[in-house]
């Protein structure tokens, strides 16, 4: 866990919502993680436990739990200190089965059973198994409440393809700039459409590798 490592965390007393943060200081015993002021002050409560996840230089994802032991402010940056996890405290996480590409596709969200007005948005990343979608201001989704998600997928020398999926929101992720996104999975998708998304992600990865 080096300086600048991006981490995600959630409070063990709050489900379904994750936050993005960064390691900004530390030594062999402690890591300091930048958070907003409200979260830092909340972390000072003795019973609040955090669960963190991060990806190391080899691309392996790990999680660990901890309690804040100190906090401070440097300039405009608030941060909280946590004991640096030992090897036995780290839990390795199995990575996704599908190649995931960070790509922005136009998307439209419609209700399945619940009542809300359809709205348009875009993806943050995409795979054959799911997507992370940006949530516009004043729009809300509920974890595990199925929605209909339409994706507009570009096709070379052809009109874009519209893919219809049944999408299950899993968790809300709040970025450091306060923008919100939902990570979720496709519960129903035509197999040919899934293959089309996988090919699209592979092509995007190849394009990025050539840059």
N, C-alpha and C. Protein backbone atom coordinates (compact mmCIF):
# COMPACT_ATOMS: atom_id res chain seq x y z
N UNK A 1 0.85 -1.19 0.00
CA UNK A 1 0.00 0.00 0.00
C UNK A 1 0.88 1.24 0.00
N UNK A 2 0.98 1.86 -1.16
CA UNK A 2 1.88 2.99 -1.33
C UNK A 2 1.11 4.30 -1.34
N UNK A 3 1.84 5.40 -1.18
CA UNK A 3 1.20 6.71 -1.26
C UNK A 3 0.56 6.87 -2.64
N UNK A 4 -0.64 7.42 -2.65
CA UNK A 4 -1.36 7.60 -3.90
C UNK A 4 -2.26 6.44 -4.28
N UNK A 5 -2.16 5.32 -3.55
CA UNK A 5 -3.02 4.17 -3.85
C UNK A 5 -4.49 4.56 -3.69
N UNK A 6 -5.29 4.23 -4.70
CA UNK A 6 -6.72 4.49 -4.63
C UNK A 6 -7.40 3.38 -3.83
N UNK A 7 -8.26 3.76 -2.93
CA UNK A 7 -8.99 2.78 -2.13
C UNK A 7 -10.48 3.10 -2.19
N UNK A 8 -11.28 2.07 -1.97
CA UNK A 8 -12.71 2.24 -1.78
C UNK A 8 -13.04 1.78 -0.37
N UNK A 9 -14.04 2.40 0.21
CA UNK A 9 -14.40 1.98 1.56
C UNK A 9 -15.89 2.16 1.79
N UNK A 10 -16.40 1.42 2.75
CA UNK A 10 -17.76 1.64 3.23
C UNK A 10 -17.77 1.45 4.73
N UNK A 11 -18.75 2.06 5.37
CA UNK A 11 -18.91 1.90 6.81
C UNK A 11 -19.71 0.64 7.07
N UNK A 12 -19.29 -0.12 8.06
CA UNK A 12 -19.97 -1.38 8.32
C UNK A 12 -21.37 -1.20 8.88
N UNK A 13 -21.72 0.05 9.27
CA UNK A 13 -23.09 0.30 9.72
C UNK A 13 -23.95 0.90 8.62
N UNK A 14 -23.37 1.04 7.41
CA UNK A 14 -24.10 1.57 6.27
C UNK A 14 -23.87 0.63 5.10
N UNK A 15 -24.94 0.10 4.51
CA UNK A 15 -24.78 -0.86 3.43
C UNK A 15 -25.02 -0.21 2.08
N UNK A 16 -24.43 -0.85 1.06
CA UNK A 16 -24.69 -0.52 -0.34
C UNK A 16 -24.06 0.77 -0.83
N UNK A 17 -23.41 1.53 -0.01
CA UNK A 17 -22.82 2.79 -0.48
C UNK A 17 -21.32 2.77 -0.24
N UNK A 18 -20.57 2.98 -1.31
CA UNK A 18 -19.12 3.01 -1.22
C UNK A 18 -18.60 4.41 -1.51
N UNK A 19 -17.39 4.68 -1.02
CA UNK A 19 -16.74 5.96 -1.23
C UNK A 19 -15.35 5.72 -1.80
N UNK A 20 -14.90 6.62 -2.65
CA UNK A 20 -13.54 6.56 -3.18
C UNK A 20 -12.64 7.48 -2.38
N UNK A 21 -11.40 7.06 -2.18
CA UNK A 21 -10.45 7.86 -1.41
C UNK A 21 -9.04 7.51 -1.87
N UNK A 22 -8.04 8.14 -1.24
CA UNK A 22 -6.65 7.90 -1.59
C UNK A 22 -5.80 7.87 -0.33
N UNK A 23 -4.72 7.09 -0.38
CA UNK A 23 -3.73 7.10 0.69
C UNK A 23 -2.80 8.29 0.45
N UNK A 24 -2.72 9.20 1.42
CA UNK A 24 -1.98 10.44 1.22
C UNK A 24 -0.77 10.56 2.13
N UNK A 25 -0.63 9.67 3.11
CA UNK A 25 0.52 9.73 4.01
C UNK A 25 0.59 8.41 4.76
N UNK A 26 1.71 8.19 5.45
CA UNK A 26 1.82 6.97 6.24
C UNK A 26 3.25 6.57 6.49
N UNK A 27 3.39 5.51 7.27
CA UNK A 27 4.70 4.92 7.53
C UNK A 27 4.51 3.41 7.63
N UNK A 28 5.45 2.71 8.25
CA UNK A 28 5.35 1.25 8.30
C UNK A 28 4.23 0.76 9.21
N UNK A 29 3.67 1.65 10.01
CA UNK A 29 2.63 1.23 10.96
C UNK A 29 1.25 1.81 10.67
N UNK A 30 1.19 2.95 10.00
CA UNK A 30 -0.06 3.69 9.85
C UNK A 30 -0.24 4.15 8.41
N UNK A 31 -1.49 4.16 7.94
CA UNK A 31 -1.81 4.79 6.66
C UNK A 31 -2.81 5.91 6.93
N UNK A 32 -2.59 7.04 6.26
CA UNK A 32 -3.51 8.18 6.34
C UNK A 32 -4.31 8.22 5.04
N UNK A 33 -5.64 8.26 5.18
CA UNK A 33 -6.54 8.21 4.02
C UNK A 33 -7.36 9.48 3.98
N UNK A 34 -7.32 10.17 2.83
CA UNK A 34 -8.06 11.42 2.66
C UNK A 34 -9.56 11.13 2.59
N UNK A 35 -10.34 11.89 3.35
CA UNK A 35 -11.80 11.77 3.36
C UNK A 35 -12.38 13.17 3.53
N UNK A 36 -13.68 13.30 3.27
CA UNK A 36 -14.29 14.60 3.52
C UNK A 36 -14.47 14.80 5.03
N UNK A 37 -14.69 16.05 5.41
CA UNK A 37 -14.74 16.40 6.82
C UNK A 37 -15.79 15.62 7.59
N UNK A 38 -16.97 15.47 6.98
CA UNK A 38 -18.06 14.75 7.66
C UNK A 38 -17.67 13.31 7.95
N UNK A 39 -17.01 12.65 6.97
CA UNK A 39 -16.63 11.26 7.15
C UNK A 39 -15.52 11.13 8.19
N UNK A 40 -14.57 12.07 8.19
CA UNK A 40 -13.49 12.03 9.17
C UNK A 40 -14.06 12.15 10.58
N UNK A 41 -14.97 13.08 10.77
CA UNK A 41 -15.56 13.25 12.10
C UNK A 41 -16.39 12.03 12.49
N UNK A 42 -17.07 11.44 11.50
CA UNK A 42 -17.84 10.23 11.78
C UNK A 42 -16.91 9.09 12.17
N UNK A 43 -15.71 9.06 11.57
CA UNK A 43 -14.76 7.98 11.85
C UNK A 43 -14.25 8.02 13.28
N UNK A 44 -14.37 9.17 13.94
CA UNK A 44 -13.86 9.29 15.30
C UNK A 44 -14.75 8.58 16.32
N UNK A 45 -15.96 8.20 15.89
CA UNK A 45 -16.83 7.44 16.78
C UNK A 45 -16.25 6.05 16.98
N UNK A 46 -16.15 5.62 18.22
CA UNK A 46 -15.41 4.41 18.56
C UNK A 46 -15.95 3.15 17.91
N UNK A 47 -17.27 3.08 17.69
CA UNK A 47 -17.86 1.85 17.20
C UNK A 47 -17.89 1.76 15.68
N UNK A 48 -17.43 2.79 14.99
CA UNK A 48 -17.50 2.80 13.53
C UNK A 48 -16.34 1.99 12.95
N UNK A 49 -16.67 0.94 12.22
CA UNK A 49 -15.66 0.12 11.55
C UNK A 49 -15.74 0.36 10.04
N UNK A 50 -14.59 0.39 9.41
CA UNK A 50 -14.50 0.61 7.97
C UNK A 50 -14.04 -0.68 7.29
N UNK A 51 -14.55 -0.91 6.09
CA UNK A 51 -14.02 -1.97 5.23
C UNK A 51 -13.44 -1.31 3.99
N UNK A 52 -12.17 -1.59 3.71
CA UNK A 52 -11.46 -0.99 2.58
C UNK A 52 -11.16 -2.04 1.52
N UNK A 53 -11.06 -1.60 0.28
CA UNK A 53 -10.57 -2.45 -0.80
C UNK A 53 -9.59 -1.65 -1.65
N UNK A 54 -8.59 -2.33 -2.18
CA UNK A 54 -7.61 -1.67 -3.05
C UNK A 54 -7.01 -2.72 -3.99
N UNK A 55 -6.37 -2.24 -5.04
CA UNK A 55 -5.73 -3.12 -6.02
C UNK A 55 -4.23 -2.84 -5.99
N UNK A 56 -3.43 -3.89 -5.82
CA UNK A 56 -1.98 -3.69 -5.75
C UNK A 56 -1.37 -3.58 -7.14
N UNK A 57 -0.04 -3.46 -7.20
CA UNK A 57 0.64 -3.25 -8.48
C UNK A 57 0.51 -4.44 -9.42
N UNK A 58 0.21 -5.62 -8.88
CA UNK A 58 0.05 -6.81 -9.71
C UNK A 58 -1.38 -6.99 -10.19
N UNK A 59 -2.26 -6.05 -9.81
CA UNK A 59 -3.64 -6.13 -10.26
C UNK A 59 -4.53 -7.00 -9.39
N UNK A 60 -4.05 -7.39 -8.21
CA UNK A 60 -4.84 -8.21 -7.30
C UNK A 60 -5.61 -7.32 -6.33
N UNK A 61 -6.88 -7.65 -6.12
CA UNK A 61 -7.69 -6.86 -5.20
C UNK A 61 -7.69 -7.48 -3.82
N UNK A 62 -7.57 -6.62 -2.80
CA UNK A 62 -7.60 -7.06 -1.40
C UNK A 62 -8.58 -6.19 -0.62
N UNK A 63 -9.09 -6.75 0.47
CA UNK A 63 -9.90 -5.98 1.40
C UNK A 63 -9.30 -6.12 2.80
N UNK A 64 -9.59 -5.13 3.65
CA UNK A 64 -9.23 -5.22 5.06
C UNK A 64 -10.16 -4.32 5.85
N UNK A 65 -10.25 -4.57 7.14
CA UNK A 65 -11.11 -3.78 8.02
C UNK A 65 -10.27 -3.01 9.02
N UNK A 66 -10.82 -1.90 9.51
CA UNK A 66 -10.09 -1.12 10.49
C UNK A 66 -10.93 -0.03 11.11
N UNK A 67 -10.41 0.53 12.21
CA UNK A 67 -11.01 1.66 12.90
C UNK A 67 -10.04 2.83 12.84
N UNK A 68 -10.57 4.03 12.71
CA UNK A 68 -9.72 5.22 12.70
C UNK A 68 -9.09 5.41 14.08
N UNK A 69 -7.80 5.72 14.10
CA UNK A 69 -7.11 5.93 15.37
C UNK A 69 -6.69 7.39 15.56
N UNK A 70 -6.84 8.19 14.51
CA UNK A 70 -6.49 9.61 14.62
C UNK A 70 -7.04 10.32 13.39
N UNK A 71 -7.07 11.64 13.44
CA UNK A 71 -7.44 12.41 12.25
C UNK A 71 -6.79 13.78 12.34
N UNK A 72 -6.65 14.41 11.17
CA UNK A 72 -6.05 15.74 11.12
C UNK A 72 -6.46 16.41 9.81
N UNK A 73 -6.11 17.70 9.72
CA UNK A 73 -6.38 18.48 8.52
C UNK A 73 -5.11 19.17 8.09
N UNK A 74 -4.77 19.02 6.80
CA UNK A 74 -3.62 19.71 6.23
C UNK A 74 -4.12 20.55 5.06
N UNK A 75 -4.03 21.86 5.21
CA UNK A 75 -4.60 22.74 4.20
C UNK A 75 -6.10 22.54 4.16
N UNK A 76 -6.62 22.18 2.99
CA UNK A 76 -8.05 21.92 2.86
C UNK A 76 -8.38 20.43 2.88
N UNK A 77 -7.38 19.59 3.16
CA UNK A 77 -7.56 18.14 3.07
C UNK A 77 -7.71 17.54 4.46
N UNK A 78 -8.85 16.89 4.69
CA UNK A 78 -9.06 16.12 5.91
C UNK A 78 -8.60 14.69 5.67
N UNK A 79 -8.08 14.07 6.72
CA UNK A 79 -7.63 12.68 6.59
C UNK A 79 -7.76 11.96 7.92
N UNK A 80 -7.91 10.65 7.83
CA UNK A 80 -8.00 9.80 9.02
C UNK A 80 -6.91 8.75 8.97
N UNK A 81 -6.40 8.37 10.14
CA UNK A 81 -5.32 7.39 10.24
C UNK A 81 -5.88 6.03 10.63
N UNK A 82 -5.32 4.98 10.00
CA UNK A 82 -5.70 3.60 10.30
C UNK A 82 -4.43 2.77 10.44
N UNK A 83 -4.47 1.77 11.31
CA UNK A 83 -3.33 0.87 11.42
C UNK A 83 -3.11 0.16 10.08
N UNK A 84 -1.87 0.13 9.63
CA UNK A 84 -1.56 -0.52 8.37
C UNK A 84 -1.80 -2.02 8.50
N UNK A 85 -2.60 -2.62 7.62
CA UNK A 85 -2.92 -4.04 7.78
C UNK A 85 -1.69 -4.92 7.56
N UNK A 86 -1.58 -5.96 8.36
CA UNK A 86 -0.55 -6.96 8.16
C UNK A 86 -1.01 -7.96 7.10
N UNK A 87 -0.07 -8.77 6.64
CA UNK A 87 -0.39 -9.71 5.56
C UNK A 87 -1.58 -10.59 5.92
N UNK A 88 -1.63 -11.05 7.16
CA UNK A 88 -2.72 -11.96 7.56
C UNK A 88 -4.07 -11.24 7.67
N UNK A 89 -4.04 -9.90 7.66
CA UNK A 89 -5.29 -9.14 7.75
C UNK A 89 -5.90 -8.85 6.39
N UNK A 90 -5.15 -9.12 5.32
CA UNK A 90 -5.61 -8.84 3.97
C UNK A 90 -6.35 -10.04 3.40
N UNK A 91 -7.48 -9.79 2.76
CA UNK A 91 -8.28 -10.86 2.17
C UNK A 91 -8.32 -10.67 0.65
N UNK A 92 -7.84 -11.67 -0.06
CA UNK A 92 -7.79 -11.60 -1.52
C UNK A 92 -9.18 -11.80 -2.10
N UNK A 93 -9.52 -10.98 -3.10
CA UNK A 93 -10.83 -11.02 -3.73
C UNK A 93 -10.71 -11.55 -5.15
N UNK A 94 -11.60 -12.47 -5.50
CA UNK A 94 -11.64 -12.99 -6.87
C UNK A 94 -12.09 -11.88 -7.81
N UNK A 95 -11.35 -11.63 -8.87
CA UNK A 95 -11.70 -10.57 -9.80
C UNK A 95 -12.83 -10.98 -10.73
N UNK A 96 -13.36 -10.03 -11.46
CA UNK A 96 -14.47 -10.27 -12.37
C UNK A 96 -14.09 -11.28 -13.45
N UNK A 97 -15.10 -12.01 -13.93
CA UNK A 97 -14.87 -12.99 -14.98
C UNK A 97 -14.83 -12.33 -16.36
N UNK A 98 -15.45 -11.15 -16.49
CA UNK A 98 -15.52 -10.49 -17.78
C UNK A 98 -14.54 -9.33 -17.84
N UNK A 99 -13.94 -9.14 -19.02
CA UNK A 99 -13.08 -8.00 -19.24
C UNK A 99 -13.90 -6.72 -19.10
N UNK A 100 -13.42 -5.80 -18.29
CA UNK A 100 -14.14 -4.55 -18.05
C UNK A 100 -13.34 -3.40 -18.64
N UNK A 101 -14.05 -2.53 -19.35
CA UNK A 101 -13.41 -1.40 -20.01
C UNK A 101 -14.05 -0.11 -19.53
N UNK A 102 -13.22 0.88 -19.24
CA UNK A 102 -13.74 2.19 -18.84
C UNK A 102 -14.18 2.93 -20.09
N UNK A 103 -15.47 3.01 -20.29
CA UNK A 103 -16.01 3.57 -21.53
C UNK A 103 -17.35 4.23 -21.24
N UNK A 104 -17.59 5.34 -21.92
CA UNK A 104 -18.85 6.08 -21.75
C UNK A 104 -19.78 5.75 -22.91
N UNK A 105 -20.88 5.07 -22.60
CA UNK A 105 -21.93 4.80 -23.57
C UNK A 105 -23.20 5.51 -23.13
N UNK A 106 -23.93 6.03 -24.10
CA UNK A 106 -25.24 6.60 -23.77
C UNK A 106 -26.15 5.50 -23.26
N UNK A 107 -26.94 5.83 -22.24
CA UNK A 107 -27.80 4.83 -21.62
C UNK A 107 -29.13 5.48 -21.24
N UNK A 108 -30.16 4.65 -21.19
CA UNK A 108 -31.48 5.10 -20.74
C UNK A 108 -32.00 4.11 -19.72
N UNK A 109 -32.61 4.63 -18.67
CA UNK A 109 -33.10 3.81 -17.57
C UNK A 109 -34.61 3.93 -17.47
N UNK A 110 -35.26 2.76 -17.44
CA UNK A 110 -36.71 2.70 -17.30
C UNK A 110 -37.05 1.79 -16.12
N UNK A 111 -38.16 2.06 -15.45
CA UNK A 111 -38.55 1.21 -14.32
C UNK A 111 -39.05 -0.15 -14.79
N UNK A 112 -38.86 -1.16 -13.95
CA UNK A 112 -39.47 -2.47 -14.19
C UNK A 112 -40.78 -2.57 -13.41
N UNK A 113 -40.68 -2.43 -12.09
CA UNK A 113 -41.88 -2.53 -11.24
C UNK A 113 -42.14 -1.24 -10.48
N UNK A 114 -41.07 -0.60 -10.00
CA UNK A 114 -41.24 0.61 -9.23
C UNK A 114 -41.64 1.77 -10.14
N UNK A 115 -42.09 2.85 -9.55
CA UNK A 115 -42.57 4.00 -10.31
C UNK A 115 -41.57 5.15 -10.25
N UNK A 116 -41.02 5.51 -11.39
CA UNK A 116 -40.22 6.73 -11.51
C UNK A 116 -40.15 7.09 -12.99
N UNK A 117 -39.85 8.34 -13.25
CA UNK A 117 -39.77 8.81 -14.63
C UNK A 117 -38.48 8.30 -15.27
N UNK A 118 -38.54 7.75 -16.48
CA UNK A 118 -37.31 7.32 -17.16
C UNK A 118 -36.34 8.48 -17.31
N UNK A 119 -35.05 8.17 -17.35
CA UNK A 119 -34.06 9.22 -17.54
C UNK A 119 -32.87 8.68 -18.31
N UNK A 120 -32.10 9.60 -18.87
CA UNK A 120 -30.92 9.22 -19.65
C UNK A 120 -29.67 9.50 -18.83
N UNK A 121 -28.64 8.74 -19.10
CA UNK A 121 -27.37 8.89 -18.40
C UNK A 121 -26.27 8.30 -19.27
N UNK A 122 -25.17 7.87 -18.67
CA UNK A 122 -24.09 7.24 -19.42
C UNK A 122 -23.38 6.26 -18.50
N UNK A 123 -22.60 5.38 -19.10
CA UNK A 123 -21.84 4.41 -18.32
C UNK A 123 -20.49 4.99 -17.92
N UNK A 124 -19.96 4.48 -16.82
CA UNK A 124 -18.58 4.79 -16.43
C UNK A 124 -17.65 3.68 -16.89
N UNK A 125 -18.07 2.43 -16.71
CA UNK A 125 -17.34 1.30 -17.27
C UNK A 125 -18.34 0.22 -17.64
N UNK A 126 -17.83 -0.81 -18.33
CA UNK A 126 -18.72 -1.76 -18.96
C UNK A 126 -18.03 -3.10 -19.11
N UNK A 127 -18.79 -4.18 -19.01
CA UNK A 127 -18.29 -5.52 -19.30
C UNK A 127 -19.45 -6.35 -19.84
N UNK A 128 -19.17 -7.60 -20.15
CA UNK A 128 -20.23 -8.48 -20.60
C UNK A 128 -21.17 -8.88 -19.48
N UNK A 129 -20.78 -8.61 -18.25
CA UNK A 129 -21.59 -9.02 -17.11
C UNK A 129 -22.29 -7.90 -16.39
N UNK A 130 -21.92 -6.65 -16.67
CA UNK A 130 -22.55 -5.55 -15.95
C UNK A 130 -21.94 -4.22 -16.34
N UNK A 131 -22.30 -3.19 -15.60
CA UNK A 131 -21.82 -1.85 -15.91
C UNK A 131 -21.91 -0.98 -14.67
N UNK A 132 -21.13 0.08 -14.66
CA UNK A 132 -21.28 1.15 -13.68
C UNK A 132 -21.89 2.33 -14.41
N UNK A 133 -22.95 2.89 -13.86
CA UNK A 133 -23.67 3.97 -14.53
C UNK A 133 -23.68 5.21 -13.65
N UNK A 134 -23.53 6.37 -14.29
CA UNK A 134 -23.59 7.63 -13.56
C UNK A 134 -25.03 7.93 -13.18
N UNK A 135 -25.21 8.49 -12.00
CA UNK A 135 -26.54 8.85 -11.53
C UNK A 135 -26.69 10.37 -11.56
N UNK A 136 -27.58 10.89 -12.41
CA UNK A 136 -27.76 12.35 -12.47
C UNK A 136 -28.29 12.90 -11.15
N UNK A 137 -28.11 14.20 -10.97
CA UNK A 137 -28.62 14.87 -9.78
C UNK A 137 -30.12 14.67 -9.65
N UNK A 138 -30.57 14.49 -8.43
CA UNK A 138 -31.98 14.35 -8.08
C UNK A 138 -32.60 13.06 -8.60
N UNK A 139 -31.78 12.12 -9.07
CA UNK A 139 -32.27 10.81 -9.47
C UNK A 139 -31.80 9.78 -8.45
N UNK A 140 -32.63 8.78 -8.20
CA UNK A 140 -32.29 7.77 -7.21
C UNK A 140 -32.59 6.38 -7.75
N UNK A 141 -31.77 5.42 -7.33
CA UNK A 141 -32.03 4.01 -7.57
C UNK A 141 -31.96 3.28 -6.24
N UNK A 142 -32.55 2.11 -6.18
CA UNK A 142 -32.53 1.30 -4.98
C UNK A 142 -31.76 0.02 -5.25
N UNK A 143 -30.94 -0.39 -4.29
CA UNK A 143 -30.19 -1.63 -4.44
C UNK A 143 -31.15 -2.80 -4.62
N UNK A 144 -30.82 -3.66 -5.58
CA UNK A 144 -31.56 -4.90 -5.86
C UNK A 144 -32.92 -4.68 -6.51
N UNK A 145 -33.32 -3.43 -6.75
CA UNK A 145 -34.57 -3.15 -7.45
C UNK A 145 -34.29 -3.15 -8.96
N UNK A 146 -34.79 -4.16 -9.66
CA UNK A 146 -34.46 -4.32 -11.07
C UNK A 146 -34.98 -3.15 -11.89
N UNK A 147 -34.18 -2.76 -12.88
CA UNK A 147 -34.58 -1.72 -13.83
C UNK A 147 -34.29 -2.22 -15.24
N UNK A 148 -34.87 -1.56 -16.22
CA UNK A 148 -34.55 -1.84 -17.62
C UNK A 148 -33.51 -0.82 -18.07
N UNK A 149 -32.38 -1.32 -18.55
CA UNK A 149 -31.27 -0.47 -18.96
C UNK A 149 -31.03 -0.67 -20.46
N UNK A 150 -31.13 0.42 -21.21
CA UNK A 150 -30.82 0.40 -22.64
C UNK A 150 -29.45 1.01 -22.86
N UNK A 151 -28.62 0.34 -23.65
CA UNK A 151 -27.28 0.82 -23.97
C UNK A 151 -27.17 1.06 -25.47
N UNK A 152 -26.55 2.18 -25.84
CA UNK A 152 -26.34 2.52 -27.24
C UNK A 152 -24.88 2.20 -27.58
N UNK A 153 -24.68 1.12 -28.33
CA UNK A 153 -23.33 0.62 -28.60
C UNK A 153 -22.91 0.98 -30.03
N UNK A 154 -21.82 1.73 -30.20
CA UNK A 154 -21.36 2.09 -31.55
C UNK A 154 -20.96 0.85 -32.35
N UNK A 155 -21.23 0.89 -33.64
CA UNK A 155 -20.83 -0.18 -34.55
C UNK A 155 -20.05 0.45 -35.70
N UNK A 156 -18.94 -0.16 -36.07
CA UNK A 156 -18.10 0.37 -37.14
C UNK A 156 -18.85 0.33 -38.46
N UNK A 157 -18.94 1.50 -39.10
CA UNK A 157 -19.57 1.64 -40.41
C UNK A 157 -21.04 1.24 -40.40
N UNK A 158 -21.67 1.24 -39.23
CA UNK A 158 -23.08 0.89 -39.13
C UNK A 158 -23.75 1.82 -38.13
N UNK A 159 -25.07 1.74 -38.11
CA UNK A 159 -25.79 2.47 -37.08
C UNK A 159 -25.52 1.85 -35.71
N UNK A 160 -25.55 2.66 -34.66
CA UNK A 160 -25.36 2.09 -33.31
C UNK A 160 -26.44 1.04 -33.00
N UNK A 161 -26.06 0.08 -32.19
CA UNK A 161 -26.97 -0.98 -31.76
C UNK A 161 -27.54 -0.64 -30.39
N UNK A 162 -28.84 -0.79 -30.23
CA UNK A 162 -29.48 -0.60 -28.93
C UNK A 162 -29.62 -1.95 -28.25
N UNK A 163 -29.03 -2.08 -27.08
CA UNK A 163 -29.08 -3.33 -26.32
C UNK A 163 -29.97 -3.13 -25.10
N UNK A 164 -30.91 -4.02 -24.95
CA UNK A 164 -31.83 -3.97 -23.80
C UNK A 164 -31.40 -5.01 -22.77
N UNK A 165 -31.30 -4.59 -21.51
CA UNK A 165 -30.94 -5.50 -20.43
C UNK A 165 -31.85 -5.27 -19.23
N UNK A 166 -31.96 -6.28 -18.41
CA UNK A 166 -32.52 -6.11 -17.07
C UNK A 166 -31.34 -6.00 -16.12
N UNK A 167 -31.28 -4.90 -15.41
CA UNK A 167 -30.08 -4.52 -14.65
C UNK A 167 -30.40 -4.49 -13.16
N UNK A 168 -29.51 -5.07 -12.36
CA UNK A 168 -29.67 -5.04 -10.90
C UNK A 168 -28.62 -4.12 -10.29
N UNK A 169 -29.03 -2.96 -9.77
CA UNK A 169 -28.07 -2.12 -9.05
C UNK A 169 -27.59 -2.83 -7.79
N UNK A 170 -26.28 -2.83 -7.57
CA UNK A 170 -25.72 -3.54 -6.42
C UNK A 170 -25.27 -2.57 -5.33
N UNK A 171 -24.50 -1.57 -5.71
CA UNK A 171 -24.01 -0.63 -4.69
C UNK A 171 -23.78 0.73 -5.32
N UNK A 172 -23.98 1.74 -4.51
CA UNK A 172 -23.73 3.11 -4.93
C UNK A 172 -22.31 3.50 -4.56
N UNK A 173 -21.62 4.14 -5.48
CA UNK A 173 -20.24 4.58 -5.26
C UNK A 173 -20.20 6.10 -5.38
N UNK A 174 -19.69 6.75 -4.36
CA UNK A 174 -19.57 8.21 -4.36
C UNK A 174 -18.12 8.58 -4.63
N UNK A 175 -17.91 9.31 -5.71
CA UNK A 175 -16.56 9.69 -6.11
C UNK A 175 -16.04 10.80 -5.20
N UNK A 176 -14.73 11.04 -5.29
CA UNK A 176 -14.13 12.09 -4.47
C UNK A 176 -14.69 13.46 -4.81
N UNK A 177 -15.16 13.65 -6.06
CA UNK A 177 -15.76 14.93 -6.44
C UNK A 177 -17.26 14.97 -6.18
N UNK A 178 -17.77 13.97 -5.43
CA UNK A 178 -19.17 13.88 -5.00
C UNK A 178 -20.11 13.35 -6.08
N UNK A 179 -19.60 13.10 -7.29
CA UNK A 179 -20.47 12.49 -8.29
C UNK A 179 -20.82 11.06 -7.86
N UNK A 180 -22.01 10.62 -8.25
CA UNK A 180 -22.49 9.31 -7.82
C UNK A 180 -22.61 8.37 -9.01
N UNK A 181 -22.32 7.12 -8.76
CA UNK A 181 -22.55 6.10 -9.77
C UNK A 181 -23.02 4.82 -9.09
N UNK A 182 -23.70 3.99 -9.85
CA UNK A 182 -24.14 2.69 -9.36
C UNK A 182 -23.42 1.60 -10.12
N UNK A 183 -22.88 0.64 -9.39
CA UNK A 183 -22.32 -0.56 -9.99
C UNK A 183 -23.37 -1.65 -9.94
N UNK A 184 -23.48 -2.42 -11.01
CA UNK A 184 -24.50 -3.46 -11.03
C UNK A 184 -24.23 -4.51 -12.09
N UNK A 185 -25.14 -5.46 -12.18
CA UNK A 185 -24.96 -6.58 -13.10
C UNK A 185 -26.19 -6.76 -13.98
N UNK A 186 -25.96 -7.39 -15.13
CA UNK A 186 -27.05 -7.70 -16.04
C UNK A 186 -27.70 -9.01 -15.59
N UNK A 187 -28.96 -8.95 -15.22
CA UNK A 187 -29.68 -10.15 -14.82
C UNK A 187 -30.28 -10.87 -16.03
N UNK A 188 -30.69 -10.09 -17.02
CA UNK A 188 -31.22 -10.66 -18.26
C UNK A 188 -30.64 -9.89 -19.43
N UNK A 189 -30.03 -10.61 -20.35
CA UNK A 189 -29.48 -10.01 -21.55
C UNK A 189 -29.38 -11.11 -22.60
N UNK A 190 -29.74 -10.80 -23.83
CA UNK A 190 -29.64 -11.78 -24.90
C UNK A 190 -28.17 -12.16 -25.08
N UNK A 191 -27.90 -13.44 -25.27
CA UNK A 191 -26.52 -13.90 -25.32
C UNK A 191 -25.74 -13.26 -26.46
N UNK A 192 -26.40 -13.00 -27.59
CA UNK A 192 -25.72 -12.32 -28.69
C UNK A 192 -25.35 -10.89 -28.30
N UNK A 193 -26.21 -10.25 -27.53
CA UNK A 193 -25.89 -8.90 -27.06
C UNK A 193 -24.74 -8.92 -26.06
N UNK A 194 -24.69 -9.95 -25.21
CA UNK A 194 -23.56 -10.06 -24.28
C UNK A 194 -22.25 -10.21 -25.05
N UNK A 195 -22.26 -11.05 -26.08
CA UNK A 195 -21.06 -11.23 -26.90
C UNK A 195 -20.67 -9.93 -27.60
N UNK A 196 -21.69 -9.17 -28.01
CA UNK A 196 -21.41 -7.89 -28.67
C UNK A 196 -20.71 -6.93 -27.69
N UNK A 197 -21.16 -6.92 -26.44
CA UNK A 197 -20.52 -6.07 -25.44
C UNK A 197 -19.09 -6.52 -25.15
N UNK A 198 -18.88 -7.83 -25.08
CA UNK A 198 -17.54 -8.36 -24.83
C UNK A 198 -16.60 -7.96 -25.97
N UNK A 199 -17.07 -8.11 -27.22
CA UNK A 199 -16.24 -7.71 -28.37
C UNK A 199 -15.94 -6.22 -28.32
N UNK A 200 -16.95 -5.43 -27.97
CA UNK A 200 -16.75 -3.99 -27.90
C UNK A 200 -15.69 -3.64 -26.86
N UNK A 201 -15.74 -4.27 -25.69
CA UNK A 201 -14.75 -4.01 -24.64
C UNK A 201 -13.35 -4.42 -25.08
N UNK A 202 -13.25 -5.56 -25.76
CA UNK A 202 -11.95 -6.01 -26.25
C UNK A 202 -11.39 -5.04 -27.28
N UNK A 203 -12.24 -4.57 -28.19
CA UNK A 203 -11.79 -3.61 -29.20
C UNK A 203 -11.33 -2.32 -28.55
N UNK A 204 -12.05 -1.88 -27.53
CA UNK A 204 -11.66 -0.65 -26.84
C UNK A 204 -10.31 -0.82 -26.14
N UNK A 205 -10.09 -1.98 -25.54
CA UNK A 205 -8.81 -2.24 -24.88
C UNK A 205 -7.67 -2.23 -25.90
N UNK A 206 -7.91 -2.81 -27.08
CA UNK A 206 -6.88 -2.82 -28.12
C UNK A 206 -6.57 -1.41 -28.61
N UNK A 207 -7.61 -0.59 -28.76
CA UNK A 207 -7.41 0.79 -29.19
C UNK A 207 -6.57 1.56 -28.18
N UNK A 208 -6.86 1.36 -26.89
CA UNK A 208 -6.11 2.05 -25.84
C UNK A 208 -4.66 1.58 -25.80
N UNK A 209 -4.44 0.28 -26.10
CA UNK A 209 -3.08 -0.26 -26.07
C UNK A 209 -2.22 0.32 -27.19
N UNK A 210 -2.86 0.73 -28.29
CA UNK A 210 -2.11 1.27 -29.43
C UNK A 210 -1.73 2.73 -29.22
N UNK A 211 -2.41 3.41 -28.31
CA UNK A 211 -2.15 4.84 -28.09
C UNK A 211 -0.79 5.04 -27.43
